[in-house]
Amino acid sequence: MIHPIPSGTRDVLPDEMRELRMIEAALRHTFERSGYGEISTPALEYEGTLARADVGDAKPTYRLFDEHGDVLVLRSDMTVPIARVVGTRYATAPTPLRFFYVAHAYRGVRPQRGQPREFLQGGIELVGSPSPDGTIECLSVLCAALDAAGLEGYRVGLGDASLYPALLDAVGVDGEARAGVLHELYTQDFAGLEREVGTLGLDADAAELLVSLPQVRGEVEVLDGLAGCPADAALGSIRAVIAGLEAGVLARVLVDLGLARALGYYTGAVFEVYDPALGVPLGGGGRYDDLLGRFGRPLPAVGFALNVERLHIALMGEERR
């Protein structure tokens, strides 16, 4: 290529652009019909603003200095900027607050993996609505948006970010050993997880629990035999969400007790969207009940983001099938 573009970015030509705009229109219509208002924030944020949140592996990709010497970064998601907006512009507004967006985000990835650094997201943030009601609403809007876009074969994996930390607390794992185990969980490397657990010197029952429970995945009935688990509070939270879902949404849900999101600010229910036409998640989200407090207004919150370009690929894959 004579005039290359930055690694992890791409040009979108008119035919694809028209199809993407149709998907965006379907998402916007669904979000607005559900009572959400569109919000836009700057692509650039102060580095210190994003540093208030634990973004895990979703580190900002590009940094630059403004005329005052302050470090600016391209946003890695929309949740943190919206948390900032709530703390500064909605400090006394009645809740719940409902926002939606269709915007680009930017993340650092290893170029050889072929992952984008710039990608288009469409999603919502529901602020001030605790679990289970807020989570139930969020999942319902998620499924309505995917239905409106025309996706047919998708499923939604549902887990809880507090489940595995609770297990580690119950068996007395902390410090550096805890970090190693959690890393294997976040990368979904269950062979690595078993190896890390094996180095902890736990009794056989505790080690078996740490290795086997994250691999529980399936229809909602898989929860029936898990009474008395050390992480029963997290399992109870999942059960409460499932109990409140309408039949059409419940039919889409898979329980996944090993589900862990790369963003570290999640505190409760977490979920991801899968479709047989694509081998990677189309999007996901969850509860982040501690994040808003870091911006001056402690409120429970939940949201999700769909990767619009991946959704487009999945739709094309379903059409070909």
Foldseek 3Di string as FASTA:
>chain_A
DVDDDDQQDDDDDDVVVVLLVQLVVLLVVLQVVLPAAEDDDDQKDFPVQCVLFQFFQFDFDDWDADPVRTIITGASDCPSVVLLCCLPVVVPPDDFHKYKYWAKHAGDDDRVVVHHRIFIKTKMKTWFDDPPVQVQSQLVSVVSSLVSSPFDFKAKEKAWQVQLVLLCVVQVDDDPLVVQLVVCLQVVPLVSNLVSLVVPPGDPVSSCCNNPQQADKFQPCSLVPCPPDSSVVQSVRVVRNLVPHDPVSSVRYMYGHSDDHSGDQAGTMKMFMDGPLDDDTQKIWHKRQASSVSSPHRITMIMMMGRSVVSVSRVVSVVVD
